[in-house]
Protein backbone atom coordinates (compact mmCIF):
# COMPACT_ATOMS: atom_id res chain seq x y z
CA UNK A 1 57.89 127.97 178.90
CA UNK A 2 61.14 129.64 178.06
CA UNK A 3 61.55 133.30 178.85
CA UNK A 4 61.70 135.90 176.14
CA UNK A 5 65.30 136.65 177.05
CA UNK A 6 66.42 133.03 176.68
CA UNK A 7 64.44 132.57 173.49
CA UNK A 8 65.10 135.71 171.62
CA UNK A 9 68.12 137.89 171.45
CA UNK A 10 67.66 140.50 168.78
CA UNK A 11 70.77 141.87 167.22
CA UNK A 12 70.51 144.61 164.69
CA UNK A 13 73.58 145.42 162.95
CA UNK A 14 73.63 148.28 160.78
CA UNK A 15 76.75 149.51 159.37
CA UNK A 16 77.36 152.76 157.72
CA UNK A 17 80.29 153.99 155.87
CA UNK A 18 80.95 156.48 153.08
CA UNK A 19 84.09 158.23 153.06
CA UNK A 20 84.56 160.11 149.88
CA UNK A 21 87.36 162.30 150.84
CA UNK A 22 88.36 165.58 149.69
CA UNK A 23 92.02 165.95 149.19
CA UNK A 24 92.49 169.62 148.71
CA UNK A 25 94.94 170.03 145.90
CA UNK A 26 93.93 173.56 144.85
CA UNK A 27 95.40 176.76 146.14
CA UNK A 28 92.14 178.73 146.60
CA UNK A 29 91.04 179.97 150.01
CA UNK A 30 87.69 178.12 149.75
CA UNK A 31 89.45 174.82 149.23
CA UNK A 32 91.75 175.46 152.17
CA UNK A 33 88.79 175.99 154.46
CA UNK A 34 87.05 172.74 153.55
CA UNK A 35 87.35 170.07 156.29
CA UNK A 36 89.12 166.89 155.31
CA UNK A 37 86.98 163.78 154.93
CA UNK A 38 87.91 160.09 155.25
CA UNK A 39 90.00 158.77 152.38
CA UNK A 40 91.14 155.24 151.68
CA UNK A 41 94.74 156.33 151.83
CA UNK A 42 94.68 158.00 155.25
CA UNK A 43 93.96 154.86 157.26
CA UNK A 44 91.87 154.23 160.34
CA UNK A 45 92.52 157.57 162.07
CA UNK A 46 90.26 159.49 159.67
CA UNK A 47 87.64 156.76 159.83
CA UNK A 48 87.68 156.93 163.63
CA UNK A 49 87.02 160.65 163.44
CA UNK A 50 84.07 160.10 161.10
CA UNK A 51 82.58 157.17 163.06
CA UNK A 52 79.53 157.59 165.26
CA UNK A 53 80.09 158.77 168.82
CA UNK A 54 78.03 159.25 171.98
CA UNK A 55 75.18 161.69 171.40
CA UNK A 56 75.16 161.34 167.61
CA UNK A 57 71.98 159.25 167.53
CA UNK A 58 69.16 160.04 169.93
CA UNK A 59 68.02 157.01 171.91
CA UNK A 60 71.21 154.98 171.41
CA UNK A 61 74.42 154.36 173.32
CA UNK A 62 77.50 154.10 171.10
CA UNK A 63 80.36 151.72 171.88
CA UNK A 64 83.53 150.50 170.19
CA UNK A 65 83.38 146.69 170.15
CA UNK A 66 86.18 144.48 171.32
CA UNK A 67 87.94 142.47 168.64
CA UNK A 68 86.33 139.30 169.99
CA UNK A 69 83.07 140.82 168.81
CA UNK A 70 79.54 141.35 170.01
CA UNK A 71 77.95 140.15 166.81
CA UNK A 72 78.42 136.94 164.94
CA UNK A 73 80.89 137.14 162.09
CA UNK A 74 80.81 135.26 158.80
CA UNK A 75 81.35 131.51 158.80
CA UNK A 76 84.79 130.14 157.99
CA UNK A 77 85.37 127.62 155.26
CA UNK A 78 85.07 127.09 151.53
CA UNK A 79 82.00 128.75 149.96
CA UNK A 80 79.78 126.77 147.62
CA UNK A 81 78.97 128.19 145.11
CA UNK A 82 82.07 130.40 145.27
CA UNK A 83 80.32 133.52 143.97
CA UNK A 84 78.00 133.57 147.01
CA UNK A 85 80.80 134.20 149.52
CA UNK A 86 80.45 138.04 149.54
CA UNK A 87 76.94 137.73 151.00
CA UNK A 88 78.18 136.00 154.14
CA UNK A 89 81.37 138.08 154.33
CA UNK A 90 79.36 141.24 155.01
CA UNK A 91 77.68 139.75 158.10
CA UNK A 92 78.86 140.44 161.62
CA UNK A 93 79.69 144.10 161.18
CA UNK A 94 80.61 145.47 164.55
CA UNK A 95 82.45 142.27 165.41
CA UNK A 96 85.59 143.03 163.49
CA UNK A 97 84.74 140.39 160.90
CA UNK A 98 82.47 142.08 158.42
CA UNK A 99 83.23 144.17 155.34
CA UNK A 100 86.71 145.00 156.51
CA UNK A 101 87.64 141.35 156.84
CA UNK A 102 86.71 140.13 153.40
CA UNK A 103 84.50 140.49 150.41
CA UNK A 104 84.42 136.91 149.35
CA UNK A 105 88.08 136.52 148.48
CA UNK A 106 88.29 139.65 146.32
CA UNK A 107 89.26 143.03 147.77
CA UNK A 108 90.55 143.42 151.31
CA UNK A 109 90.00 146.57 153.36
CA UNK A 110 93.00 148.79 154.10
CA UNK A 111 91.41 150.20 157.26
CA UNK A 112 88.24 149.63 159.26
CA UNK A 113 86.37 150.95 162.29
CA UNK A 114 83.36 149.45 164.03
CA UNK A 115 80.68 150.82 166.30
CA UNK A 116 77.84 149.15 168.18
CA UNK A 117 74.68 151.07 169.03
CA UNK A 118 72.39 149.87 171.82
CA UNK A 119 68.93 151.36 172.43
CA UNK A 120 68.51 153.20 175.72
CA UNK A 121 64.87 152.10 175.73
CA UNK A 122 64.70 148.59 177.19
CA UNK A 123 61.53 147.95 175.22
CA UNK A 124 63.56 148.07 172.00
CA UNK A 125 65.51 144.82 171.88
CA UNK A 126 67.88 145.63 169.04
CA UNK A 127 71.59 146.26 168.71
CA UNK A 128 73.10 147.98 165.71
CA UNK A 129 76.63 147.49 164.42
CA UNK A 130 78.11 150.15 162.14
CA UNK A 131 81.26 149.57 160.13
CA UNK A 132 83.32 151.93 157.97
CA UNK A 133 85.85 150.19 155.71
CA UNK A 134 88.39 151.87 153.41
CA UNK A 135 89.59 150.12 150.25
CA UNK A 136 91.35 151.13 147.10
CA UNK A 137 88.65 152.55 144.84
CA UNK A 138 89.03 149.63 142.43
CA UNK A 139 88.69 147.20 145.34
CA UNK A 140 85.57 148.91 146.66
CA UNK A 141 83.95 148.83 143.22
CA UNK A 142 84.81 145.16 142.78
CA UNK A 143 83.38 144.30 146.21
CA UNK A 144 80.09 145.98 145.28
CA UNK A 145 79.97 144.24 141.91
CA UNK A 146 80.51 140.84 143.53
CA UNK A 147 77.92 141.58 146.19
CA UNK A 148 75.28 142.77 143.72
CA UNK A 149 75.81 139.75 141.46
CA UNK A 150 75.55 137.31 144.36
CA UNK A 151 72.45 138.95 145.88
CA UNK A 152 70.57 138.62 142.58
CA UNK A 153 71.81 135.15 141.63
CA UNK A 154 69.33 132.27 141.86
CA UNK A 155 72.27 130.01 142.70
CA UNK A 156 72.80 132.02 145.89
CA UNK A 157 69.24 131.80 147.23
CA UNK A 158 70.74 129.06 149.42
CA UNK A 159 74.45 128.28 149.75
CA UNK A 160 77.12 127.07 152.15
CA UNK A 161 80.29 128.46 153.65
CA UNK A 162 82.09 125.58 155.31
CA UNK A 163 79.56 123.85 157.57
CA UNK A 164 77.20 126.84 157.73
CA UNK A 165 74.20 126.88 155.42
CA UNK A 166 72.66 130.22 154.43
CA UNK A 167 69.15 130.51 153.04
CA UNK A 168 66.36 132.90 152.19
CA UNK A 169 68.67 135.21 150.24
CA UNK A 170 66.76 137.90 148.39
CA UNK A 171 67.77 141.20 146.85
CA UNK A 172 66.01 144.17 148.47
CA UNK A 173 65.22 147.62 147.05
CA UNK A 174 68.14 149.94 147.72
CA UNK A 175 67.32 152.98 149.86
CA UNK A 176 67.62 156.37 148.22
CA UNK A 177 70.20 158.98 149.05
CA UNK A 178 73.93 158.99 149.61
CA UNK A 179 76.83 157.18 148.08
CA UNK A 180 77.87 156.21 144.58
CA UNK A 181 76.08 152.84 144.68
CA UNK A 182 74.04 150.77 147.12
CA UNK A 183 73.29 147.05 147.48
CA UNK A 184 70.64 145.66 149.88
CA UNK A 185 69.64 142.07 150.56
CA UNK A 186 68.32 139.76 153.24
CA UNK A 187 69.81 136.47 154.37
CA UNK A 188 69.28 133.91 157.14
CA UNK A 189 70.91 130.89 158.74
CA UNK A 190 70.22 128.41 161.51
CA UNK A 191 71.76 129.09 164.92
CA UNK A 192 70.89 126.15 167.11
CA UNK A 193 67.13 126.13 167.57
CA UNK A 194 66.85 129.67 166.29
CA UNK A 195 66.98 131.32 162.87
CA UNK A 196 69.32 134.30 162.58
CA UNK A 197 67.91 136.77 160.06
CA UNK A 198 69.84 139.70 158.58
CA UNK A 199 68.91 142.64 156.39
CA UNK A 200 72.07 144.15 154.96
CA UNK A 201 72.64 147.46 153.17
CA UNK A 202 76.07 148.32 151.81
CA UNK A 203 76.83 151.82 150.52
CA UNK A 204 79.92 152.73 148.51
CA UNK A 205 81.23 156.28 148.48
CA UNK A 206 84.43 156.49 146.55
CA UNK A 207 86.79 153.97 148.12
CA UNK A 208 84.82 153.57 151.36
CA UNK A 209 82.12 151.00 152.11
CA UNK A 210 79.42 151.57 154.68
CA UNK A 211 77.76 148.36 155.85
CA UNK A 212 74.45 148.32 157.71
CA UNK A 213 73.46 144.88 159.04
CA UNK A 214 70.19 144.56 160.96
CA UNK A 215 69.60 141.14 162.48
CA UNK A 216 67.35 139.28 164.90
CA UNK A 217 66.98 135.78 166.29
CA UNK A 218 63.69 134.13 165.45
CA UNK A 219 62.47 131.20 167.55
CA UNK A 220 59.91 129.29 165.42
CA UNK A 221 58.96 126.81 168.13
CA UNK A 222 58.72 129.44 170.84
CA UNK A 223 56.53 131.74 168.75
CA UNK A 224 54.20 128.85 167.95
CA UNK A 225 53.97 127.96 171.65
CA UNK A 226 53.09 131.57 172.47
CA UNK A 227 50.35 131.56 169.85
CA UNK A 228 48.86 128.43 171.32
CA UNK A 229 49.09 129.87 174.84
CA UNK A 230 47.36 133.06 173.71
CA UNK A 231 44.53 131.04 172.19
CA UNK A 232 44.12 129.26 175.52
CA UNK A 233 43.68 132.62 177.22
CA UNK A 234 47.06 132.94 178.93
CA UNK A 235 47.53 136.42 180.39
CA UNK A 236 51.33 136.35 180.45
CA UNK A 237 52.85 135.13 177.21
CA UNK A 238 56.61 134.74 177.70
CA UNK A 239 57.55 135.76 174.18
CA UNK A 240 55.57 138.96 173.98
CA UNK A 241 57.49 141.43 171.85
CA UNK A 242 59.74 138.76 170.30
CA UNK A 243 60.24 138.66 166.51
CA UNK A 244 57.70 136.58 164.61
CA UNK A 245 57.84 134.86 161.22
CA UNK A 246 56.84 137.98 159.30
CA UNK A 247 59.06 140.42 161.23
CA UNK A 248 62.28 140.62 159.24
CA UNK A 249 64.82 143.00 160.77
CA UNK A 250 65.11 146.43 159.21
CA UNK A 251 68.00 148.87 159.08
CA UNK A 252 67.17 151.89 161.26
CA UNK A 253 67.06 155.06 159.10
CA UNK A 254 68.05 157.29 162.04
CA UNK A 255 71.38 155.49 162.42
CA UNK A 256 72.08 155.55 158.71
CA UNK A 257 71.23 159.25 158.46
CA UNK A 258 73.41 160.10 161.46
CA UNK A 259 76.44 158.26 160.09
CA UNK A 260 76.10 159.61 156.58
CA UNK A 261 75.60 163.08 158.02
CA UNK A 262 79.03 162.90 159.68
CA UNK A 263 80.59 162.01 156.38
């Protein structure tokens, strides 16, 4: 029987952005004392300052990913139907290939920063990617419009991007609090013998997008084998603690709150 490590690698990507920015144009003392916040026009330096850092989220280590990525980015190729492309483009945040890379052929990010959060508790097999991406405000609004339309379209319940087929797309209730608008959805695709499942939440604040992508690898055959072994009375089931069919990944509220709190 395969080990849990070889069968299941859970990756939770959650990405959080929001950079409204306050450009102080007044001459009052109160305005002068207000700290500057990320703005689409100031580039990656301000986003870096607002991004999560060590100690910001209890129970997690925070790292800046290499450009090669720690999470899987969106598939390359021609989308079919075309309007579904934004759904896949938001995947892989934390790998340098998520929201900042594309929004389905529409707006392109002007600046982007990524963070990857790993639980310090070995019993929690999740990794969270957080991405902040700055657009023009018109571009950010268009990206959200495209994303919302695609997540609710019946034509996008299953679609392709190049050779990769995505399925199980469903719009999810948007969490309350923060931002000018929020879009949430779930999506999945085959990855060898596994099924990669993602729950994505994208928050727009002004011209900045915050993308939270929680994902895990589900092993249908392995889970079924574990169930059969458990019925036979096996004491040590190799996949104990691995995601099962009804365990969709969820965006961790603590990470979202921490990132939005810095903004």
